[in-house]
Protein backbone atom coordinates (compact mmCIF):
# COMPACT_ATOMS: atom_id res chain seq x y z
CA UNK A 1 -19.33 -64.42 -31.05
CA UNK A 2 -21.06 -61.07 -32.50
CA UNK A 3 -22.71 -58.43 -30.58
CA UNK A 4 -25.75 -59.55 -31.15
CA UNK A 5 -25.15 -62.62 -29.24
CA UNK A 6 -24.25 -60.69 -25.98
CA UNK A 7 -26.73 -60.08 -22.82
CA UNK A 8 -28.56 -57.42 -23.85
CA UNK A 9 -27.40 -55.19 -21.05
CA UNK A 10 -23.70 -55.46 -22.05
CA UNK A 11 -24.25 -53.84 -25.52
CA UNK A 12 -24.70 -50.17 -24.35
CA UNK A 13 -21.63 -50.79 -22.00
CA UNK A 14 -19.76 -51.96 -25.38
CA UNK A 15 -21.20 -49.31 -27.40
CA UNK A 16 -19.73 -46.35 -25.32
CA UNK A 17 -16.29 -47.63 -26.85
CA UNK A 18 -17.21 -47.81 -30.40
CA UNK A 19 -16.53 -44.87 -33.11
CA UNK A 20 -19.06 -43.16 -34.36
CA UNK A 21 -19.71 -44.53 -37.44
CA UNK A 22 -19.86 -48.00 -36.11
CA UNK A 23 -22.27 -47.01 -33.84
CA UNK A 24 -24.31 -46.07 -36.23
CA UNK A 25 -23.79 -49.20 -38.18
CA UNK A 26 -24.73 -51.25 -34.91
CA UNK A 27 -27.82 -48.86 -34.66
CA UNK A 28 -29.06 -50.58 -37.97
CA UNK A 29 -28.55 -54.09 -36.88
CA UNK A 30 -31.90 -54.82 -35.25
CA UNK A 31 -34.49 -52.97 -32.76
CA UNK A 32 -32.50 -55.01 -29.69
CA UNK A 33 -29.33 -52.89 -31.02
CA UNK A 34 -31.02 -49.99 -32.02
CA UNK A 35 -32.28 -49.71 -28.51
CA UNK A 36 -28.97 -50.26 -26.91
CA UNK A 37 -27.26 -47.53 -29.00
CA UNK A 38 -29.86 -45.37 -27.77
CA UNK A 39 -29.65 -46.28 -24.07
CA UNK A 40 -25.78 -46.00 -24.57
CA UNK A 41 -25.90 -42.40 -26.24
CA UNK A 42 -28.10 -41.19 -23.05
CA UNK A 43 -24.85 -41.43 -20.92
CA UNK A 44 -22.12 -41.12 -23.37
CA UNK A 45 -20.30 -37.81 -23.17
CA UNK A 46 -19.24 -37.86 -26.44
CA UNK A 47 -22.57 -36.52 -27.81
CA UNK A 48 -23.20 -34.35 -24.86
CA UNK A 49 -22.62 -31.09 -26.90
CA UNK A 50 -24.08 -30.47 -30.41
CA UNK A 51 -22.90 -27.66 -32.23
CA UNK A 52 -24.37 -26.79 -35.74
CA UNK A 53 -22.37 -24.18 -37.91
CA UNK A 54 -23.61 -21.62 -40.40
CA UNK A 55 -24.04 -23.84 -43.29
CA UNK A 56 -25.59 -26.77 -41.57
CA UNK A 57 -28.50 -28.40 -43.59
CA UNK A 58 -31.90 -28.73 -41.98
CA UNK A 59 -32.53 -32.35 -42.80
CA UNK A 60 -28.79 -33.08 -41.05
CA UNK A 61 -29.77 -30.99 -38.28
CA UNK A 62 -32.91 -33.27 -37.90
CA UNK A 63 -30.87 -36.46 -38.04
CA UNK A 64 -28.21 -35.56 -35.81
CA UNK A 65 -31.18 -34.65 -33.03
CA UNK A 66 -33.35 -37.91 -34.05
CA UNK A 67 -30.19 -40.02 -33.42
CA UNK A 68 -27.72 -38.24 -30.77
CA UNK A 69 -30.37 -35.78 -29.24
CA UNK A 70 -30.98 -38.09 -26.17
CA UNK A 71 -27.41 -37.57 -25.12
CA UNK A 72 -27.33 -33.90 -25.82
CA UNK A 73 -26.75 -31.50 -22.61
CA UNK A 74 -25.52 -28.78 -24.69
CA UNK A 75 -26.69 -27.08 -28.06
CA UNK A 76 -25.19 -24.38 -29.87
CA UNK A 77 -26.30 -22.76 -33.36
CA UNK A 78 -24.98 -20.42 -35.96
CA UNK A 79 -27.56 -21.22 -38.38
CA UNK A 80 -28.71 -18.09 -40.15
CA UNK A 81 -31.24 -19.89 -42.44
CA UNK A 82 -34.87 -19.71 -41.30
CA UNK A 83 -35.48 -23.16 -42.43
CA UNK A 84 -33.01 -24.30 -39.88
CA UNK A 85 -35.15 -23.19 -37.14
CA UNK A 86 -37.76 -25.95 -37.22
CA UNK A 87 -35.21 -28.14 -37.45
CA UNK A 88 -33.27 -27.11 -34.22
CA UNK A 89 -36.43 -27.03 -32.59
CA UNK A 90 -37.06 -30.52 -33.54
CA UNK A 91 -33.76 -31.31 -32.18
CA UNK A 92 -34.37 -29.75 -28.80
CA UNK A 93 -37.39 -31.95 -28.39
CA UNK A 94 -35.61 -34.82 -29.02
CA UNK A 95 -33.35 -34.19 -25.91
CA UNK A 96 -36.50 -35.11 -23.94
CA UNK A 97 -35.77 -32.19 -21.48
CA UNK A 98 -32.65 -32.71 -20.97
CA UNK A 99 -30.76 -29.97 -22.49
CA UNK A 100 -28.94 -27.67 -20.01
CA UNK A 101 -27.35 -25.31 -22.40
CA UNK A 102 -28.94 -23.50 -25.34
CA UNK A 103 -26.91 -20.73 -27.57
CA UNK A 104 -28.23 -19.40 -30.47
CA UNK A 105 -26.33 -16.70 -32.43
CA UNK A 106 -26.90 -15.05 -35.90
CA UNK A 107 -30.52 -16.46 -36.73
CA UNK A 108 -34.19 -14.99 -37.20
CA UNK A 109 -35.70 -17.00 -34.33
CA UNK A 110 -38.73 -14.98 -32.90
CA UNK A 111 -39.62 -14.50 -29.30
CA UNK A 112 -42.38 -16.91 -29.75
CA UNK A 113 -40.47 -19.82 -31.06
CA UNK A 114 -37.63 -19.13 -28.30
CA UNK A 115 -39.99 -19.13 -25.60
CA UNK A 116 -41.20 -22.74 -27.01
CA UNK A 117 -37.50 -23.89 -27.14
CA UNK A 118 -37.28 -23.05 -23.69
CA UNK A 119 -40.37 -24.51 -22.38
CA UNK A 120 -39.03 -27.84 -23.75
CA UNK A 121 -35.88 -27.26 -21.65
CA UNK A 122 -36.97 -27.07 -18.07
CA UNK A 123 -33.65 -28.10 -16.64
CA UNK A 124 -32.11 -25.42 -18.73
CA UNK A 125 -28.99 -23.41 -16.75
CA UNK A 126 -27.55 -21.35 -19.81
CA UNK A 127 -29.48 -19.43 -22.11
CA UNK A 128 -27.54 -17.12 -24.83
CA UNK A 129 -29.30 -15.64 -27.79
CA UNK A 130 -27.29 -12.71 -28.90
CA UNK A 131 -25.45 -11.52 -32.09
CA UNK A 132 -27.75 -10.59 -35.04
CA UNK A 133 -31.09 -11.83 -33.48
CA UNK A 134 -32.92 -9.38 -34.79
CA UNK A 135 -36.37 -10.53 -34.01
CA UNK A 136 -35.25 -10.86 -29.99
CA UNK A 137 -33.50 -7.53 -30.51
CA UNK A 138 -36.86 -5.54 -31.09
CA UNK A 139 -39.14 -7.81 -28.50
CA UNK A 140 -40.33 -6.78 -25.20
CA UNK A 141 -37.50 -8.31 -23.42
CA UNK A 142 -38.70 -8.00 -19.94
CA UNK A 143 -42.16 -9.65 -20.88
CA UNK A 144 -39.96 -12.24 -22.69
CA UNK A 145 -37.58 -13.06 -19.72
CA UNK A 146 -40.62 -13.15 -17.14
CA UNK A 147 -41.93 -16.01 -19.55
CA UNK A 148 -38.83 -17.48 -19.77
CA UNK A 149 -38.06 -17.82 -16.37
CA UNK A 150 -41.24 -19.66 -15.78
CA UNK A 151 -40.42 -22.14 -18.08
CA UNK A 152 -36.77 -22.66 -16.86
CA UNK A 153 -36.37 -21.70 -13.31
CA UNK A 154 -33.03 -23.26 -12.87
CA UNK A 155 -31.33 -20.64 -15.55
CA UNK A 156 -27.82 -19.34 -13.82
CA UNK A 157 -26.61 -17.60 -17.24
CA UNK A 158 -28.61 -15.43 -19.23
CA UNK A 159 -27.49 -13.27 -22.19
CA UNK A 160 -30.34 -11.45 -24.26
CA UNK A 161 -29.93 -8.18 -26.45
CA UNK A 162 -31.30 -5.30 -24.62
CA UNK A 163 -31.44 -1.50 -24.55
CA UNK A 164 -29.09 -0.64 -21.59
CA UNK A 165 -27.41 -2.91 -19.18
CA UNK A 166 -28.92 -6.25 -18.70
CA UNK A 167 -29.05 -5.76 -14.89
CA UNK A 168 -31.48 -3.00 -15.46
CA UNK A 169 -33.18 -4.84 -18.38
CA UNK A 170 -33.99 -8.40 -17.45
CA UNK A 171 -31.76 -9.68 -14.79
CA UNK A 172 -34.27 -9.60 -11.82
CA UNK A 173 -36.37 -12.00 -13.67
CA UNK A 174 -33.65 -14.61 -12.94
CA UNK A 175 -33.15 -14.94 -9.36
CA UNK A 176 -30.49 -17.73 -9.71
CA UNK A 177 -28.21 -15.61 -12.05
CA UNK A 178 -24.69 -16.22 -10.71
CA UNK A 179 -22.93 -12.90 -12.42
CA UNK A 180 -24.54 -9.54 -12.56
CA UNK A 181 -23.75 -7.75 -16.13
CA UNK A 182 -23.80 -4.12 -16.11
CA UNK A 183 -23.45 -3.81 -20.02
CA UNK A 184 -25.42 -4.49 -23.01
CA UNK A 185 -25.23 -7.50 -25.39
CA UNK A 186 -27.40 -5.50 -27.72
CA UNK A 187 -24.37 -3.16 -28.71
CA UNK A 188 -20.85 -2.59 -28.46
CA UNK A 189 -20.75 0.82 -27.02
CA UNK A 190 -20.65 1.98 -23.65
CA UNK A 191 -23.58 1.94 -21.21
CA UNK A 192 -24.31 4.27 -18.23
CA UNK A 193 -26.63 2.36 -15.63
CA UNK A 194 -28.58 5.13 -14.13
CA UNK A 195 -31.87 3.33 -13.40
CA UNK A 196 -31.22 2.55 -10.03
CA UNK A 197 -34.48 1.34 -9.25
CA UNK A 198 -34.17 -1.85 -11.34
CA UNK A 199 -30.47 -1.98 -10.51
CA UNK A 200 -31.65 -2.43 -6.79
CA UNK A 201 -34.26 -4.67 -7.49
CA UNK A 202 -31.59 -7.06 -9.38
CA UNK A 203 -29.04 -6.95 -6.58
CA UNK A 204 -31.72 -7.91 -3.97
CA UNK A 205 -33.77 -10.65 -6.19
CA UNK A 206 -30.46 -12.30 -7.67
CA UNK A 207 -29.33 -13.46 -4.22
CA UNK A 208 -27.04 -16.22 -5.71
CA UNK A 209 -25.31 -13.70 -7.66
CA UNK A 210 -21.55 -13.60 -6.57
CA UNK A 211 -20.15 -11.87 -9.49
CA UNK A 212 -20.55 -8.73 -11.13
CA UNK A 213 -19.06 -7.73 -14.98
CA UNK A 214 -18.35 -4.14 -15.57
CA UNK A 215 -17.30 -4.50 -19.10
CA UNK A 216 -18.49 -1.45 -21.43
CA UNK A 217 -19.64 0.39 -18.18
CA UNK A 218 -19.17 4.09 -17.16
CA UNK A 219 -18.68 3.70 -13.72
CA UNK A 220 -20.02 6.70 -11.88
CA UNK A 221 -19.86 7.34 -8.17
CA UNK A 222 -23.46 7.16 -7.74
CA UNK A 223 -23.44 3.73 -9.05
CA UNK A 224 -20.39 2.35 -6.83
CA UNK A 225 -22.98 4.19 -3.71
CA UNK A 226 -25.58 1.99 -4.80
CA UNK A 227 -23.80 -1.36 -4.77
CA UNK A 228 -22.09 -0.49 -1.62
CA UNK A 229 -25.17 -0.24 -0.03
CA UNK A 230 -26.69 -3.17 -1.13
CA UNK A 231 -26.19 -6.83 0.08
CA UNK A 232 -23.78 -7.61 -2.81
CA UNK A 233 -20.49 -6.95 -1.60
CA UNK A 234 -20.85 -8.90 1.55
CA UNK A 235 -20.67 -12.17 -0.92
CA UNK A 236 -18.83 -10.72 -4.10
CA UNK A 237 -16.09 -13.24 -5.21
CA UNK A 238 -15.47 -11.88 -8.87
CA UNK A 239 -15.15 -8.20 -10.05
CA UNK A 240 -14.48 -8.00 -13.67
CA UNK A 241 -13.95 -4.97 -15.68
CA UNK A 242 -13.01 -5.06 -19.46
CA UNK A 243 -13.01 -1.81 -21.33
CA UNK A 244 -14.58 -0.07 -18.68
CA UNK A 245 -14.27 3.83 -17.66
CA UNK A 246 -13.66 3.98 -14.00
CA UNK A 247 -11.14 5.92 -11.92
CA UNK A 248 -8.65 3.93 -9.96
CA UNK A 249 -10.09 5.41 -6.82
CA UNK A 250 -13.49 3.80 -7.57
CA UNK A 251 -11.83 0.31 -8.14
CA UNK A 252 -10.07 0.49 -4.77
CA UNK A 253 -13.13 1.57 -3.14
CA UNK A 254 -14.99 -1.40 -4.66
CA UNK A 255 -12.26 -3.96 -3.48
CA UNK A 256 -12.06 -2.34 -0.12
CA UNK A 257 -15.92 -3.00 0.43
CA UNK A 258 -15.58 -7.00 -0.72
CA UNK A 259 -13.91 -9.09 1.87
CA UNK A 260 -14.82 -12.26 0.11
CA UNK A 261 -13.26 -10.96 -3.03
CA UNK A 262 -10.58 -13.50 -4.84
CA UNK A 263 -10.82 -12.66 -8.87
CA UNK A 264 -10.15 -9.35 -10.07
CA UNK A 265 -9.91 -8.54 -13.69
CA UNK A 266 -8.42 -4.71 -14.16
CA UNK A 267 -9.88 -2.56 -17.01
CA UNK A 268 -7.78 -3.58 -20.11
CA UNK A 269 -7.21 -0.20 -21.54
CA UNK A 270 -6.13 1.48 -17.90
CA UNK A 271 -2.79 1.97 -17.31
CA UNK A 272 -1.69 1.45 -13.51
CA UNK A 273 1.70 1.97 -12.00
CA UNK A 274 3.11 0.80 -8.91
CA UNK A 275 1.62 2.97 -6.40
CA UNK A 276 -2.13 1.65 -7.35
CA UNK A 277 -0.69 -2.03 -6.93
CA UNK A 278 0.61 -1.19 -3.95
CA UNK A 279 -2.72 -0.19 -2.67
CA UNK A 280 -4.41 -2.79 -4.06
CA UNK A 281 -2.39 -4.99 -2.15
CA UNK A 282 -2.75 -3.13 1.47
CA UNK A 283 -6.44 -3.24 0.58
CA UNK A 284 -6.76 -6.94 -0.51
CA UNK A 285 -4.05 -9.01 -0.21
CA UNK A 286 -5.84 -11.97 -0.26
CA UNK A 287 -7.08 -11.94 -4.17
CA UNK A 288 -6.29 -15.01 -6.17
CA UNK A 289 -6.90 -14.43 -9.61
CA UNK A 290 -6.01 -10.98 -11.42
CA UNK A 291 -6.09 -9.91 -15.06
CA UNK A 292 -3.78 -7.36 -15.78
CA UNK A 293 -4.37 -4.12 -18.18
CA UNK A 294 -1.52 -2.55 -19.91
CA UNK A 295 1.52 -1.64 -17.56
CA UNK A 296 3.51 1.58 -18.06
CA UNK A 297 7.44 1.88 -18.20
CA UNK A 298 7.24 0.39 -14.53
CA UNK A 299 5.82 -2.80 -15.56
CA UNK A 300 8.79 -4.93 -13.76
CA UNK A 301 8.00 -2.77 -10.52
CA UNK A 302 4.46 -3.34 -10.77
CA UNK A 303 5.37 -7.21 -10.66
CA UNK A 304 7.26 -6.74 -7.85
CA UNK A 305 4.00 -5.98 -5.55
CA UNK A 306 2.04 -8.41 -7.71
CA UNK A 307 4.30 -11.29 -6.77
CA UNK A 308 3.65 -10.73 -3.15
CA UNK A 309 -0.01 -11.94 -3.64
CA UNK A 310 -0.88 -15.36 -3.18
CA UNK A 311 -2.05 -15.78 -6.93
CA UNK A 312 -3.43 -19.16 -8.11
CA UNK A 313 -4.21 -17.69 -11.58
CA UNK A 314 -2.24 -14.80 -13.48
CA UNK A 315 -3.20 -13.34 -16.88
CA UNK A 316 -1.12 -10.81 -18.58
CA UNK A 317 -1.80 -9.58 -21.98
CA UNK A 318 0.07 -7.15 -24.43
CA UNK A 319 2.59 -5.88 -22.33
CA UNK A 320 5.66 -4.82 -24.39
CA UNK A 321 7.27 -2.99 -21.62
CA UNK A 322 8.10 -5.92 -19.30
CA UNK A 323 11.73 -7.52 -19.66
CA UNK A 324 12.80 -11.12 -19.17
CA UNK A 325 13.68 -9.94 -15.65
CA UNK A 326 10.18 -9.91 -14.61
CA UNK A 327 10.55 -14.16 -14.23
CA UNK A 328 13.08 -13.46 -11.56
CA UNK A 329 10.68 -11.24 -9.66
CA UNK A 330 7.92 -13.52 -9.63
CA UNK A 331 10.10 -16.21 -8.53
CA UNK A 332 11.21 -14.27 -5.49
CA UNK A 333 7.46 -13.37 -4.48
CA UNK A 334 4.74 -15.29 -2.57
CA UNK A 335 2.86 -16.25 -5.84
CA UNK A 336 5.80 -18.39 -7.08
CA UNK A 337 4.43 -21.05 -4.43
CA UNK A 338 0.74 -20.67 -5.17
CA UNK A 339 0.56 -20.05 -9.03
CA UNK A 340 -1.36 -22.91 -10.83
CA UNK A 341 -2.22 -21.39 -14.27
CA UNK A 342 -1.04 -18.48 -16.10
CA UNK A 343 -2.33 -17.07 -19.60
CA UNK A 344 0.54 -14.97 -21.01
CA UNK A 345 -0.53 -13.44 -24.53
CA UNK A 346 1.59 -11.03 -26.59
CA UNK A 347 4.49 -10.57 -23.96
CA UNK A 348 7.55 -10.52 -26.07
CA UNK A 349 9.53 -10.76 -22.92
CA UNK A 350 8.23 -13.97 -22.25
CA UNK A 351 9.77 -16.13 -24.81
CA UNK A 352 9.81 -19.98 -24.41
CA UNK A 353 13.15 -20.04 -22.30
CA UNK A 354 11.38 -17.58 -19.88
CA UNK A 355 8.17 -19.58 -19.58
CA UNK A 356 10.12 -22.41 -18.92
CA UNK A 357 12.01 -21.27 -16.29
CA UNK A 358 8.78 -19.73 -14.90
CA UNK A 359 7.37 -22.76 -14.73
CA UNK A 360 10.42 -24.64 -13.13
CA UNK A 361 10.23 -22.01 -10.35
CA UNK A 362 6.79 -22.45 -9.90
CA UNK A 363 5.98 -26.15 -8.52
CA UNK A 364 2.18 -25.64 -8.47
CA UNK A 365 2.08 -24.21 -11.94
CA UNK A 366 0.46 -26.95 -14.53
CA UNK A 367 -1.52 -25.02 -16.79
CA UNK A 368 0.03 -22.18 -19.04
CA UNK A 369 -1.82 -20.36 -22.11
CA UNK A 370 0.85 -18.93 -24.18
CA UNK A 371 0.94 -16.61 -27.46
CA UNK A 372 3.65 -14.49 -28.70
CA UNK A 373 2.08 -13.13 -31.75
CA UNK A 374 2.60 -9.37 -32.21
CA UNK A 375 3.95 -7.02 -34.95
CA UNK A 376 7.47 -6.16 -35.77
CA UNK A 377 10.85 -6.78 -34.21
CA UNK A 378 11.62 -10.39 -34.01
CA UNK A 379 9.25 -11.88 -31.79
CA UNK A 380 6.14 -12.58 -33.52
CA UNK A 381 7.05 -16.23 -34.08
CA UNK A 382 8.15 -19.41 -32.45
CA UNK A 383 11.57 -20.53 -34.38
CA UNK A 384 13.41 -23.69 -34.36
CA UNK A 385 15.95 -22.53 -31.78
CA UNK A 386 12.97 -22.48 -29.35
CA UNK A 387 12.02 -26.53 -29.92
CA UNK A 388 14.06 -27.42 -26.95
CA UNK A 389 12.63 -25.15 -24.44
CA UNK A 390 9.46 -26.27 -25.96
CA UNK A 391 9.72 -29.70 -25.39
CA UNK A 392 10.82 -29.37 -21.87
CA UNK A 393 8.11 -27.05 -21.14
CA UNK A 394 5.15 -29.60 -22.24
CA UNK A 395 6.83 -32.21 -20.77
CA UNK A 396 7.37 -30.54 -17.18
CA UNK A 397 3.41 -29.60 -17.79
CA UNK A 398 2.13 -32.83 -18.14
CA UNK A 399 3.97 -34.62 -15.62
CA UNK A 400 1.80 -32.45 -13.28
CA UNK A 401 -1.15 -33.23 -15.05
CA UNK A 402 -1.59 -30.14 -17.09
CA UNK A 403 -0.15 -28.88 -20.28
CA UNK A 404 0.43 -25.87 -22.52
CA UNK A 405 -2.05 -24.11 -24.50
CA UNK A 406 -1.02 -22.25 -27.85
CA UNK A 407 -2.22 -21.09 -31.10
CA UNK A 408 1.06 -20.38 -32.28
CA UNK A 409 1.82 -21.80 -35.71
CA UNK A 410 5.40 -22.47 -34.74
CA UNK A 411 4.59 -24.83 -31.56
CA UNK A 412 2.48 -27.14 -33.95
CA UNK A 413 5.25 -27.31 -36.46
CA UNK A 414 7.94 -27.95 -33.99
CA UNK A 415 6.47 -30.46 -32.10
CA UNK A 416 4.37 -32.31 -34.99
CA UNK A 417 6.43 -31.95 -37.81
CA UNK A 418 4.71 -35.10 -39.46
CA UNK A 419 1.88 -32.99 -39.96
CA UNK A 420 3.52 -30.35 -42.28
CA UNK A 421 5.17 -30.58 -45.35
CA UNK A 422 9.26 -30.83 -45.34
CA UNK A 423 9.17 -27.46 -47.77
CA UNK A 424 7.60 -25.60 -45.18
CA UNK A 425 9.76 -22.88 -43.64
CA UNK A 426 9.51 -21.39 -40.03
CA UNK A 427 9.67 -17.50 -41.79
CA UNK A 428 6.79 -18.41 -44.14
CA UNK A 429 3.93 -16.40 -42.89
CA UNK A 430 1.29 -18.57 -44.86
CA UNK A 431 2.68 -21.98 -43.60
CA UNK A 432 0.17 -21.56 -40.65
CA UNK A 433 -1.61 -24.91 -39.62
CA UNK A 434 -4.66 -25.27 -41.69
CA UNK A 435 -6.85 -25.19 -38.60
CA UNK A 436 -5.41 -21.90 -37.27
CA UNK A 437 -5.74 -23.48 -34.05
CA UNK A 438 -3.01 -25.47 -32.29
CA UNK A 439 -3.31 -26.64 -28.56
CA UNK A 440 -0.59 -29.03 -27.37
CA UNK A 441 -1.38 -30.96 -24.17
């Protein structure tokens, strides 16, 4: 019996289990099979996301859209060629209004064409059009935002290039925004928010916003006062600071005023010592997710305080002052019972053995992102001696329904040797996995 002999309603269900090439072949059989494939694609998660790289040919973009567009919910494009824009617009049309996320990078899309694309996506929730988009950079972003908002009233995430911060430029046009950004997507220099009338309008209009991002922002006392006088502090759950210029006292003032705050990303280039973390714990002991900046020489002492939070997630990066003893510090704290995810990047004290010890002592920990990569010393690379600990670590995380995420070349080499030449050496810097990205789950 062939597929064509089966009841018509069964073919779309079977098609979901077919590899892509078999699906294309089935589509060519007859009109009935083609229709069945079309119905299958509409609910097949494999085709929910379409990504076009910088070298994608317009005809291939159109073909992808024509065949798989009905199932697409997300479209991401890095196509710089002008000829690709009509093909992208055609693909968006093929989604029949089902697209929920649209990301365009490094292209010459005009404000008029971007608006046309948005009008074809009434269910759009995320719109990103940044990084080398010259026509949008010179457009009237306030007018464009108003028109886009009318076309896509469900938008929750919007990133457009602008002069000044996003919250001052266009945020108020999108009342469903979840995060208010106090930086500019148009350039990488620091912004000093000062148009408080526009900020106030956004704070009162975006009533769903419960997160703020102060990356690349110079935070003044005046700005903090405006924020605290708005309705935002009562609903704020996430406060993110990256390359933010702000005093420790203003951080604590913001945290103190936000009773619902559970996520805090501290300024990445600020060295905060134990007294700050003690004040932070006294101010908001209910924090669940913390992203840490560099610690000074008292890094282990800082963690004695951090371990007293009931953290569900911990993000640590570039802390070369920590010692292996920090694992015992964490395991003796309150967070040992609550920690569910950890992101450990460029922390030389936390090798494979230390991470395994951490996971063993944190029974709820199921997801670990781990990178050793760094300069100098003997800690920049995974070696064959780590194999036993790595295997035990991955096996333990998998029993908990999670896994290890790592782009360390040595991780892939140790755990999947069949993918590497027997002549490859652990010390060979050029022997990295060709993909440059190994994820072990």
